[in-house]
Amino acid sequence: MNGFRTRYGASPLHLTLVLCSFALAGYAGVRLLHGDTLGVIVWFVGAALLHDLVLLPLYSSADRALQRLLPATGRRGAHDAGRRVAGVNHVRVPAFVSGVLLLVWWPLVLGQVDGFTAATALPGDVFLGRWLLVTAGLFAGSALCALARVGRHSYHERRLRDRSE
């Protein structure tokens, strides 16, 4: 067993799971490409190009600007960059979740509900408002977490300062 782990770098369970995931991905690929092969390939290439050439520079620039705008929290020193990333994550996480929700439910959010009305049993004009409410809730919850983190940090700093006096 140790010889296998030394040569492979992980346990046999890891290798089994990796091979199973490759088999599942291959099966899904074969099933997906069985219908409109050219359309699926064009869609994947187009999505990759759209992401790499348009979306990646946009959200990377927005993230960099956000990192410059948000001050680092906590003590100054060697770990300053890590604290800045932790503060930025309070914006990154709700933005990511909101973006995934929009990506998954975009036909409903954008009002293209012709085929979905029977499945959802809801009128077509409620989804945008609900997505905006969920997004606002995500950002509000993240802001509360950030405030709790800052409050906890300042509480610990006061306790350390009081002990040293």
N, C-alpha and C. Protein backbone atom coordinates (compact mmCIF):
# COMPACT_ATOMS: atom_id res chain seq x y z
N MET A 1 0.83 -1.20 0.00
CA MET A 1 0.00 0.00 0.00
C MET A 1 0.87 1.26 0.00
N ASN A 2 1.94 1.25 0.82
CA ASN A 2 2.82 2.42 0.86
C ASN A 2 3.54 2.63 -0.46
N GLY A 3 3.87 1.54 -1.15
CA GLY A 3 4.52 1.67 -2.46
C GLY A 3 3.60 2.33 -3.47
N PHE A 4 2.32 1.96 -3.44
CA PHE A 4 1.35 2.58 -4.34
C PHE A 4 1.21 4.06 -4.02
N ARG A 5 1.07 4.37 -2.73
CA ARG A 5 0.92 5.77 -2.32
C ARG A 5 2.16 6.58 -2.69
N THR A 6 3.33 5.99 -2.57
CA THR A 6 4.56 6.69 -2.92
C THR A 6 4.63 6.95 -4.42
N ARG A 7 4.29 5.94 -5.23
CA ARG A 7 4.35 6.10 -6.68
C ARG A 7 3.23 7.00 -7.21
N TYR A 8 2.01 6.80 -6.70
CA TYR A 8 0.87 7.56 -7.22
C TYR A 8 0.74 8.92 -6.55
N GLY A 9 1.03 9.02 -5.28
CA GLY A 9 0.95 10.28 -4.57
C GLY A 9 -0.31 10.44 -3.75
N ALA A 10 -1.22 9.46 -3.83
CA ALA A 10 -2.45 9.52 -3.05
C ALA A 10 -2.94 8.09 -2.83
N SER A 11 -4.05 7.97 -2.16
CA SER A 11 -4.58 6.64 -1.84
C SER A 11 -5.27 6.01 -3.05
N PRO A 12 -5.47 4.69 -3.01
CA PRO A 12 -6.20 4.03 -4.10
C PRO A 12 -7.64 4.55 -4.22
N LEU A 13 -8.23 4.97 -3.12
CA LEU A 13 -9.57 5.54 -3.17
C LEU A 13 -9.60 6.79 -4.04
N HIS A 14 -8.56 7.61 -3.93
CA HIS A 14 -8.47 8.82 -4.75
C HIS A 14 -8.43 8.45 -6.24
N LEU A 15 -7.60 7.48 -6.58
CA LEU A 15 -7.50 7.04 -7.97
C LEU A 15 -8.83 6.50 -8.46
N THR A 16 -9.52 5.72 -7.64
CA THR A 16 -10.81 5.17 -8.02
C THR A 16 -11.83 6.28 -8.27
N LEU A 17 -11.86 7.28 -7.40
CA LEU A 17 -12.80 8.38 -7.57
C LEU A 17 -12.47 9.22 -8.80
N VAL A 18 -11.21 9.43 -9.07
CA VAL A 18 -10.82 10.19 -10.27
C VAL A 18 -11.22 9.43 -11.53
N LEU A 19 -10.98 8.13 -11.57
CA LEU A 19 -11.37 7.34 -12.74
C LEU A 19 -12.88 7.31 -12.91
N CYS A 20 -13.63 7.21 -11.81
CA CYS A 20 -15.09 7.25 -11.89
C CYS A 20 -15.58 8.60 -12.40
N SER A 21 -14.96 9.68 -11.96
CA SER A 21 -15.39 11.00 -12.44
C SER A 21 -15.07 11.17 -13.92
N PHE A 22 -13.93 10.64 -14.37
CA PHE A 22 -13.63 10.69 -15.80
C PHE A 22 -14.64 9.86 -16.60
N ALA A 23 -15.02 8.70 -16.08
CA ALA A 23 -16.00 7.86 -16.77
C ALA A 23 -17.34 8.57 -16.84
N LEU A 24 -17.76 9.21 -15.76
CA LEU A 24 -19.03 9.94 -15.75
C LEU A 24 -18.99 11.13 -16.70
N ALA A 25 -17.88 11.86 -16.72
CA ALA A 25 -17.75 12.99 -17.64
C ALA A 25 -17.75 12.51 -19.09
N GLY A 26 -17.09 11.39 -19.37
CA GLY A 26 -17.09 10.83 -20.72
C GLY A 26 -18.49 10.40 -21.14
N TYR A 27 -19.22 9.76 -20.24
CA TYR A 27 -20.59 9.35 -20.54
C TYR A 27 -21.47 10.57 -20.81
N ALA A 28 -21.35 11.59 -19.98
CA ALA A 28 -22.14 12.81 -20.18
C ALA A 28 -21.77 13.47 -21.50
N GLY A 29 -20.49 13.48 -21.84
CA GLY A 29 -20.06 14.07 -23.11
C GLY A 29 -20.61 13.32 -24.31
N VAL A 30 -20.61 12.00 -24.24
CA VAL A 30 -21.15 11.20 -25.34
C VAL A 30 -22.65 11.45 -25.47
N ARG A 31 -23.36 11.49 -24.35
CA ARG A 31 -24.81 11.75 -24.40
C ARG A 31 -25.10 13.16 -24.90
N LEU A 32 -24.30 14.12 -24.48
CA LEU A 32 -24.52 15.50 -24.89
C LEU A 32 -24.25 15.70 -26.37
N LEU A 33 -23.19 15.09 -26.86
CA LEU A 33 -22.81 15.27 -28.26
C LEU A 33 -23.62 14.39 -29.21
N HIS A 34 -24.44 13.52 -28.69
CA HIS A 34 -25.22 12.61 -29.54
C HIS A 34 -26.24 13.36 -30.39
N GLY A 35 -26.80 14.44 -29.87
CA GLY A 35 -27.83 15.18 -30.61
C GLY A 35 -27.24 16.12 -31.64
N ASP A 36 -27.09 17.38 -31.28
CA ASP A 36 -26.58 18.42 -32.17
C ASP A 36 -25.10 18.65 -31.85
N THR A 37 -24.24 17.80 -32.40
CA THR A 37 -22.82 17.84 -32.06
C THR A 37 -22.19 19.18 -32.40
N LEU A 38 -22.42 19.67 -33.59
CA LEU A 38 -21.82 20.94 -34.01
C LEU A 38 -22.34 22.10 -33.16
N GLY A 39 -23.63 22.12 -32.86
CA GLY A 39 -24.20 23.18 -32.02
C GLY A 39 -23.61 23.19 -30.62
N VAL A 40 -23.42 22.00 -30.05
CA VAL A 40 -22.84 21.91 -28.70
C VAL A 40 -21.39 22.37 -28.71
N ILE A 41 -20.64 21.97 -29.71
CA ILE A 41 -19.23 22.38 -29.80
C ILE A 41 -19.13 23.90 -29.99
N VAL A 42 -19.97 24.47 -30.86
CA VAL A 42 -19.97 25.92 -31.06
C VAL A 42 -20.34 26.63 -29.77
N TRP A 43 -21.33 26.09 -29.04
CA TRP A 43 -21.74 26.70 -27.78
C TRP A 43 -20.60 26.68 -26.77
N PHE A 44 -19.91 25.54 -26.63
CA PHE A 44 -18.80 25.45 -25.68
C PHE A 44 -17.65 26.38 -26.06
N VAL A 45 -17.28 26.42 -27.33
CA VAL A 45 -16.20 27.30 -27.78
C VAL A 45 -16.61 28.76 -27.57
N GLY A 46 -17.84 29.09 -27.92
CA GLY A 46 -18.33 30.45 -27.72
C GLY A 46 -18.36 30.85 -26.26
N ALA A 47 -18.80 29.93 -25.40
CA ALA A 47 -18.83 30.22 -23.97
C ALA A 47 -17.41 30.40 -23.42
N ALA A 48 -16.48 29.57 -23.87
CA ALA A 48 -15.10 29.70 -23.42
C ALA A 48 -14.50 31.02 -23.89
N LEU A 49 -14.74 31.39 -25.14
CA LEU A 49 -14.21 32.65 -25.64
C LEU A 49 -14.85 33.84 -24.96
N LEU A 50 -16.17 33.79 -24.74
CA LEU A 50 -16.86 34.87 -24.04
C LEU A 50 -16.30 35.03 -22.64
N HIS A 51 -16.09 33.91 -21.96
CA HIS A 51 -15.56 33.99 -20.61
C HIS A 51 -14.14 34.52 -20.61
N ASP A 52 -13.28 33.94 -21.43
CA ASP A 52 -11.86 34.29 -21.40
C ASP A 52 -11.56 35.68 -21.95
N LEU A 53 -12.28 36.10 -22.96
CA LEU A 53 -11.97 37.38 -23.60
C LEU A 53 -12.78 38.55 -23.08
N VAL A 54 -13.95 38.30 -22.50
CA VAL A 54 -14.81 39.40 -22.05
C VAL A 54 -15.01 39.36 -20.53
N LEU A 55 -15.55 38.26 -20.03
CA LEU A 55 -15.93 38.23 -18.61
C LEU A 55 -14.73 38.20 -17.66
N LEU A 56 -13.72 37.41 -17.95
CA LEU A 56 -12.56 37.33 -17.07
C LEU A 56 -11.87 38.68 -16.89
N PRO A 57 -11.59 39.45 -17.95
CA PRO A 57 -11.01 40.77 -17.72
C PRO A 57 -11.94 41.71 -16.95
N LEU A 58 -13.25 41.59 -17.18
CA LEU A 58 -14.19 42.46 -16.46
C LEU A 58 -14.20 42.18 -14.97
N TYR A 59 -14.38 40.91 -14.59
CA TYR A 59 -14.45 40.66 -13.16
C TYR A 59 -13.10 40.69 -12.48
N SER A 60 -12.02 40.47 -13.21
CA SER A 60 -10.70 40.65 -12.61
C SER A 60 -10.42 42.12 -12.33
N SER A 61 -10.80 42.99 -13.27
CA SER A 61 -10.62 44.43 -13.05
C SER A 61 -11.49 44.92 -11.90
N ALA A 62 -12.73 44.44 -11.83
CA ALA A 62 -13.61 44.84 -10.73
C ALA A 62 -13.06 44.35 -9.39
N ASP A 63 -12.52 43.14 -9.36
CA ASP A 63 -11.96 42.61 -8.12
C ASP A 63 -10.73 43.40 -7.69
N ARG A 64 -9.88 43.75 -8.64
CA ARG A 64 -8.69 44.54 -8.31
C ARG A 64 -9.06 45.93 -7.79
N ALA A 65 -10.06 46.55 -8.42
CA ALA A 65 -10.53 47.86 -7.95
C ALA A 65 -11.12 47.75 -6.55
N LEU A 66 -11.84 46.68 -6.29
CA LEU A 66 -12.42 46.45 -4.98
C LEU A 66 -11.33 46.25 -3.93
N GLN A 67 -10.27 45.54 -4.28
CA GLN A 67 -9.17 45.34 -3.35
C GLN A 67 -8.48 46.66 -3.01
N ARG A 68 -8.41 47.56 -3.98
CA ARG A 68 -7.80 48.87 -3.71
C ARG A 68 -8.71 49.76 -2.88
N LEU A 69 -10.02 49.63 -3.06
CA LEU A 69 -10.97 50.47 -2.34
C LEU A 69 -11.14 50.07 -0.88
N LEU A 70 -11.17 48.76 -0.64
CA LEU A 70 -11.42 48.30 0.73
C LEU A 70 -10.13 48.35 1.53
N PRO A 71 -10.16 49.00 2.68
CA PRO A 71 -8.96 49.03 3.51
C PRO A 71 -8.74 47.67 4.16
N ALA A 72 -7.50 47.40 4.47
CA ALA A 72 -7.19 46.17 5.19
C ALA A 72 -7.68 46.30 6.62
N THR A 73 -8.24 45.22 7.14
CA THR A 73 -8.72 45.22 8.52
C THR A 73 -7.68 44.56 9.41
N GLY A 74 -7.70 44.91 10.66
CA GLY A 74 -6.80 44.26 11.60
C GLY A 74 -5.49 44.98 11.73
N ARG A 75 -4.56 44.32 12.38
CA ARG A 75 -3.24 44.90 12.62
C ARG A 75 -2.45 45.02 11.33
N ARG A 76 -1.64 46.03 11.27
CA ARG A 76 -0.76 46.20 10.11
C ARG A 76 0.43 45.27 10.28
N GLY A 77 0.95 44.80 9.19
CA GLY A 77 2.13 43.95 9.30
C GLY A 77 2.19 42.96 8.16
N ALA A 78 2.80 41.82 8.43
CA ALA A 78 3.06 40.83 7.39
C ALA A 78 1.78 40.20 6.87
N HIS A 79 0.76 40.15 7.70
CA HIS A 79 -0.48 39.49 7.30
C HIS A 79 -1.50 40.48 6.76
N ASP A 80 -1.07 41.68 6.39
CA ASP A 80 -1.98 42.72 5.92
C ASP A 80 -2.72 42.29 4.66
N ALA A 81 -2.03 41.66 3.72
CA ALA A 81 -2.66 41.25 2.46
C ALA A 81 -3.72 40.19 2.72
N GLY A 82 -3.47 39.27 3.64
CA GLY A 82 -4.47 38.24 3.96
C GLY A 82 -5.72 38.84 4.57
N ARG A 83 -5.57 39.87 5.38
CA ARG A 83 -6.74 40.52 5.96
C ARG A 83 -7.53 41.29 4.90
N ARG A 84 -6.83 41.87 3.94
CA ARG A 84 -7.52 42.59 2.86
C ARG A 84 -8.35 41.60 2.03
N VAL A 85 -7.80 40.43 1.73
CA VAL A 85 -8.53 39.43 0.98
C VAL A 85 -9.76 38.98 1.76
N ALA A 86 -9.63 38.82 3.08
CA ALA A 86 -10.78 38.42 3.88
C ALA A 86 -11.88 39.46 3.80
N GLY A 87 -11.52 40.74 3.78
CA GLY A 87 -12.53 41.79 3.66
C GLY A 87 -13.17 41.80 2.29
N VAL A 88 -12.40 41.57 1.25
CA VAL A 88 -12.92 41.55 -0.11
C VAL A 88 -13.85 40.36 -0.30
N ASN A 89 -13.59 39.28 0.41
CA ASN A 89 -14.44 38.09 0.28
C ASN A 89 -15.87 38.35 0.73
N HIS A 90 -16.08 39.35 1.58
CA HIS A 90 -17.44 39.70 1.98
C HIS A 90 -18.21 40.34 0.84
N VAL A 91 -17.53 40.72 -0.21
CA VAL A 91 -18.21 41.20 -1.43
C VAL A 91 -18.17 40.10 -2.50
N ARG A 92 -17.06 39.37 -2.57
CA ARG A 92 -16.93 38.34 -3.59
C ARG A 92 -17.98 37.24 -3.46
N VAL A 93 -18.18 36.74 -2.26
CA VAL A 93 -19.06 35.58 -2.07
C VAL A 93 -20.51 35.90 -2.45
N PRO A 94 -21.13 36.97 -1.92
CA PRO A 94 -22.50 37.22 -2.36
C PRO A 94 -22.61 37.57 -3.85
N ALA A 95 -21.59 38.22 -4.40
CA ALA A 95 -21.62 38.53 -5.83
C ALA A 95 -21.55 37.23 -6.65
N PHE A 96 -20.72 36.30 -6.22
CA PHE A 96 -20.61 35.02 -6.92
C PHE A 96 -21.92 34.23 -6.85
N VAL A 97 -22.49 34.13 -5.64
CA VAL A 97 -23.74 33.37 -5.50
C VAL A 97 -24.86 34.03 -6.30
N SER A 98 -24.93 35.34 -6.26
CA SER A 98 -25.95 36.06 -7.03
C SER A 98 -25.74 35.84 -8.53
N GLY A 99 -24.49 35.85 -8.98
CA GLY A 99 -24.21 35.61 -10.39
C GLY A 99 -24.57 34.20 -10.82
N VAL A 100 -24.30 33.22 -9.96
CA VAL A 100 -24.67 31.84 -10.30
C VAL A 100 -26.19 31.70 -10.37
N LEU A 101 -26.89 32.32 -9.42
CA LEU A 101 -28.35 32.28 -9.46
C LEU A 101 -28.88 32.93 -10.75
N LEU A 102 -28.28 34.04 -11.13
CA LEU A 102 -28.69 34.69 -12.38
C LEU A 102 -28.37 33.81 -13.58
N LEU A 103 -27.21 33.18 -13.57
CA LEU A 103 -26.83 32.30 -14.68
C LEU A 103 -27.79 31.13 -14.81
N VAL A 104 -28.18 30.53 -13.70
CA VAL A 104 -29.05 29.37 -13.74
C VAL A 104 -30.49 29.75 -14.11
N TRP A 105 -30.96 30.87 -13.55
CA TRP A 105 -32.36 31.24 -13.72
C TRP A 105 -32.55 32.43 -14.65
N TRP A 106 -31.61 32.73 -15.53
CA TRP A 106 -31.70 33.94 -16.35
C TRP A 106 -32.95 34.03 -17.20
N PRO A 107 -33.49 32.94 -17.76
CA PRO A 107 -34.71 33.13 -18.55
C PRO A 107 -35.86 33.66 -17.69
N LEU A 108 -35.97 33.17 -16.46
CA LEU A 108 -37.03 33.63 -15.59
C LEU A 108 -36.77 35.05 -15.10
N VAL A 109 -35.53 35.33 -14.73
CA VAL A 109 -35.20 36.66 -14.19
C VAL A 109 -35.39 37.73 -15.27
N LEU A 110 -35.04 37.41 -16.49
CA LEU A 110 -35.16 38.38 -17.58
C LEU A 110 -36.54 38.41 -18.22
N GLY A 111 -37.48 37.67 -17.68
CA GLY A 111 -38.85 37.73 -18.14
C GLY A 111 -39.18 36.86 -19.34
N GLN A 112 -38.31 35.93 -19.69
CA GLN A 112 -38.57 35.04 -20.82
C GLN A 112 -39.22 33.76 -20.30
N VAL A 113 -40.45 33.87 -19.83
CA VAL A 113 -41.09 32.77 -19.10
C VAL A 113 -42.19 32.08 -19.90
N ASP A 114 -42.18 32.19 -21.20
CA ASP A 114 -43.25 31.60 -22.00
C ASP A 114 -43.43 30.12 -21.71
N GLY A 115 -42.36 29.37 -21.72
CA GLY A 115 -42.45 27.92 -21.49
C GLY A 115 -42.40 27.52 -20.04
N PHE A 116 -42.14 28.46 -19.14
CA PHE A 116 -41.95 28.13 -17.74
C PHE A 116 -43.18 28.41 -16.88
N THR A 117 -44.15 29.11 -17.40
CA THR A 117 -45.29 29.52 -16.58
C THR A 117 -46.05 28.31 -16.05
N ALA A 118 -46.22 27.30 -16.84
CA ALA A 118 -46.93 26.11 -16.37
C ALA A 118 -46.13 25.37 -15.30
N ALA A 119 -44.82 25.36 -15.44
CA ALA A 119 -43.98 24.64 -14.47
C ALA A 119 -43.86 25.38 -13.15
N THR A 120 -43.84 26.71 -13.18
CA THR A 120 -43.65 27.47 -11.95
C THR A 120 -44.95 27.89 -11.31
N ALA A 121 -46.01 27.99 -12.08
CA ALA A 121 -47.32 28.46 -11.60
C ALA A 121 -47.24 29.86 -11.02
N LEU A 122 -46.31 30.64 -11.50
CA LEU A 122 -46.15 32.03 -11.05
C LEU A 122 -46.19 32.95 -12.25
N PRO A 123 -46.65 34.17 -12.05
CA PRO A 123 -46.61 35.13 -13.17
C PRO A 123 -45.16 35.47 -13.51
N GLY A 124 -44.95 35.92 -14.73
CA GLY A 124 -43.60 36.16 -15.22
C GLY A 124 -42.91 37.37 -14.65
N ASP A 125 -43.63 38.27 -13.98
CA ASP A 125 -43.00 39.50 -13.53
C ASP A 125 -42.48 39.45 -12.09
N VAL A 126 -42.49 38.29 -11.44
CA VAL A 126 -42.05 38.22 -10.05
C VAL A 126 -40.60 37.81 -9.89
N PHE A 127 -40.01 37.22 -10.91
CA PHE A 127 -38.69 36.62 -10.75
C PHE A 127 -37.57 37.64 -10.62
N LEU A 128 -37.63 38.73 -11.35
CA LEU A 128 -36.60 39.76 -11.24
C LEU A 128 -36.59 40.35 -9.83
N GLY A 129 -37.76 40.67 -9.31
CA GLY A 129 -37.84 41.22 -7.96
C GLY A 129 -37.34 40.24 -6.91
N ARG A 130 -37.65 38.98 -7.08
CA ARG A 130 -37.19 37.96 -6.12
C ARG A 130 -35.67 37.76 -6.20
N TRP A 131 -35.14 37.78 -7.42
CA TRP A 131 -33.68 37.66 -7.54
C TRP A 131 -33.00 38.86 -6.90
N LEU A 132 -33.55 40.05 -7.12
CA LEU A 132 -32.98 41.25 -6.49
C LEU A 132 -33.08 41.17 -4.97
N LEU A 133 -34.20 40.64 -4.45
CA LEU A 133 -34.33 40.48 -2.99
C LEU A 133 -33.32 39.47 -2.44
N VAL A 134 -33.15 38.36 -3.15
CA VAL A 134 -32.17 37.37 -2.72
C VAL A 134 -30.77 37.97 -2.74
N THR A 135 -30.45 38.72 -3.80
CA THR A 135 -29.15 39.38 -3.91
C THR A 135 -28.95 40.38 -2.77
N ALA A 136 -29.96 41.18 -2.49
CA ALA A 136 -29.87 42.14 -1.38
C ALA A 136 -29.69 41.41 -0.06
N GLY A 137 -30.40 40.30 0.12
CA GLY A 137 -30.26 39.51 1.35
C GLY A 137 -28.86 38.92 1.49
N LEU A 138 -28.30 38.45 0.38
CA LEU A 138 -26.93 37.91 0.42
C LEU A 138 -25.92 38.98 0.82
N PHE A 139 -26.05 40.16 0.22
CA PHE A 139 -25.12 41.24 0.55
C PHE A 139 -25.34 41.75 1.97
N ALA A 140 -26.60 41.79 2.43
CA ALA A 140 -26.88 42.22 3.81
C ALA A 140 -26.31 41.22 4.80
N GLY A 141 -26.50 39.93 4.53
CA GLY A 141 -25.93 38.92 5.42
C GLY A 141 -24.41 38.97 5.45
N SER A 142 -23.82 39.20 4.31
CA SER A 142 -22.37 39.32 4.25
C SER A 142 -21.88 40.56 4.99
N ALA A 143 -22.64 41.66 4.88
CA ALA A 143 -22.27 42.88 5.61
C ALA A 143 -22.37 42.65 7.12
N LEU A 144 -23.38 41.90 7.56
CA LEU A 144 -23.50 41.58 8.99
C LEU A 144 -22.32 40.72 9.45
N CYS A 145 -21.93 39.78 8.63
CA CYS A 145 -20.75 38.96 8.97
C CYS A 145 -19.49 39.82 9.04
N ALA A 146 -19.34 40.76 8.12
CA ALA A 146 -18.17 41.65 8.14
C ALA A 146 -18.19 42.53 9.38
N LEU A 147 -19.36 43.06 9.74
CA LEU A 147 -19.45 43.87 10.96
C LEU A 147 -19.14 43.05 12.20
N ALA A 148 -19.62 41.81 12.24
CA ALA A 148 -19.31 40.94 13.38
C ALA A 148 -17.82 40.66 13.45
N ARG A 149 -17.19 40.47 12.30
CA ARG A 149 -15.75 40.20 12.29
C ARG A 149 -14.97 41.42 12.80
N VAL A 150 -15.35 42.61 12.32
CA VAL A 150 -14.66 43.82 12.76
C VAL A 150 -14.91 44.06 14.25
N GLY A 151 -16.16 43.84 14.70
CA GLY A 151 -16.47 44.00 16.11
C GLY A 151 -15.70 43.03 16.98
N ARG A 152 -15.61 41.79 16.56
CA ARG A 152 -14.87 40.79 17.31
C ARG A 152 -13.38 41.15 17.36
N HIS A 153 -12.87 41.62 16.24
CA HIS A 153 -11.46 42.00 16.20
C HIS A 153 -11.18 43.18 17.14
N SER A 154 -12.06 44.20 17.11
CA SER A 154 -11.84 45.36 17.98
C SER A 154 -12.02 44.97 19.45
N TYR A 155 -12.92 44.04 19.75
CA TYR A 155 -13.09 43.56 21.12
C TYR A 155 -11.83 42.88 21.61
N HIS A 156 -11.25 42.02 20.77
CA HIS A 156 -10.01 41.33 21.16
C HIS A 156 -8.85 42.31 21.31
N GLU A 157 -8.79 43.32 20.45
CA GLU A 157 -7.73 44.32 20.58
C GLU A 157 -7.88 45.10 21.88
N ARG A 158 -9.12 45.47 22.26
CA ARG A 158 -9.34 46.18 23.53
C ARG A 158 -8.94 45.31 24.70
N ARG A 159 -9.27 44.02 24.65
CA ARG A 159 -8.90 43.12 25.75
C ARG A 159 -7.39 43.01 25.88
N LEU A 160 -6.70 42.91 24.75
CA LEU A 160 -5.24 42.82 24.78
C LEU A 160 -4.63 44.13 25.32
N ARG A 161 -5.19 45.26 24.90
CA ARG A 161 -4.70 46.55 25.36
C ARG A 161 -4.94 46.71 26.86
N ASP A 162 -6.13 46.28 27.35
CA ASP A 162 -6.43 46.38 28.78
C ASP A 162 -5.53 45.49 29.60
N ARG A 163 -5.20 44.31 29.10
CA ARG A 163 -4.32 43.39 29.83
C ARG A 163 -2.89 43.93 29.92
N SER A 164 -2.46 44.64 28.87
CA SER A 164 -1.09 45.11 28.86
C SER A 164 -0.91 46.36 29.74
N GLU A 165 -1.99 47.02 30.08
CA GLU A 165 -1.87 48.24 30.91
C GLU A 165 -1.69 47.95 32.35
